[in-house]
Each structure stands twice: as structure tokens, then as C-alpha cells.
Amino acid sequence: MARPIKETPELYGKDAERFEKLISQPKPVSKEERERARKAYEMMKSISNFQW
């Protein structure tokens, strides 16, 4: 049986400011990395067999 998910801690002060800055300015992803992720997605999509 799975463990219950704990509550997410709240951030205050400098930690909150740093976190907000990090998520508002994401690092750019190279074309090579984007293509690698797309190929991995397409491969997983081709072998999955979900019945909805």
C-alpha cells in the first residue's frame, strides 16, 4: 500500500523570493535536447497500448 502524500511546505522570505525567481525565468532548452525529448516521447507513445 502506498504512503500518504505529505503536505507541501510553504516558503517564506528569501527562499520564497529565490523560488519565484527560478520559476519565472526558466533556462532555455537547446534544439538537441528538445529533439531528444520528442524522440523519447514518440518511442514511448508507439509502444504504449492504453485502453480508455
Protein backbone atom coordinates (compact mmCIF):
# COMPACT_ATOMS: atom_id res chain seq x y z
CA MET A 1 0.00 0.00 0.00
CA ALA A 2 1.30 3.48 -0.85
CA ARG A 3 2.30 6.00 1.75
CA PRO A 4 0.14 9.13 2.05
CA ILE A 5 1.46 12.25 0.35
CA LYS A 6 2.73 14.84 2.82
CA GLU A 7 1.67 18.46 2.61
CA THR A 8 3.92 20.74 0.58
CA PRO A 9 5.82 23.11 2.87
CA GLU A 10 5.27 26.84 2.44
CA LEU A 11 8.22 29.05 1.59
CA TYR A 12 8.85 32.38 3.27
CA GLY A 13 11.35 35.22 2.95
CA LYS A 14 14.48 34.74 0.86
CA ASP A 15 13.57 31.12 0.00
CA ALA A 16 10.24 32.25 -1.48
CA GLU A 17 11.90 35.06 -3.45
CA ARG A 18 14.56 32.71 -4.84
CA PHE A 19 11.96 30.09 -5.80
CA GLU A 20 9.76 32.68 -7.54
CA LYS A 21 12.76 34.00 -9.47
CA LEU A 22 13.79 30.47 -10.56
CA ILE A 23 10.35 29.51 -11.87
CA SER A 24 9.73 32.85 -13.60
CA GLN A 25 12.98 32.61 -15.62
CA PRO A 26 13.31 29.03 -16.91
CA LYS A 27 16.58 28.01 -18.52
CA PRO A 28 16.43 27.76 -22.32
CA VAL A 29 16.42 24.27 -23.81
CA SER A 30 18.68 23.50 -26.75
CA LYS A 31 17.26 22.18 -30.01
CA GLU A 32 19.18 18.94 -29.50
CA GLU A 33 17.64 18.41 -26.05
CA ARG A 34 14.16 19.21 -27.35
CA GLU A 35 14.60 16.76 -30.25
CA ARG A 36 15.88 14.03 -27.90
CA ALA A 37 12.83 14.50 -25.65
CA ARG A 38 10.48 14.42 -28.65
CA LYS A 39 12.03 11.18 -29.92
CA ALA A 40 11.73 9.59 -26.47
CA TYR A 41 8.08 10.67 -26.29
CA GLU A 42 7.32 9.28 -29.74
CA MET A 43 9.01 5.97 -28.88
CA MET A 44 7.03 5.60 -25.65
CA LYS A 45 3.84 6.57 -27.46
CA SER A 46 4.44 3.91 -30.11
CA ILE A 47 4.89 1.07 -27.59
CA SER A 48 2.11 2.04 -25.19
CA ASN A 49 -1.25 0.37 -25.51
CA PHE A 50 -3.71 2.16 -23.24
CA GLN A 51 -7.38 1.33 -23.46
CA TRP A 52 -9.53 4.32 -22.44
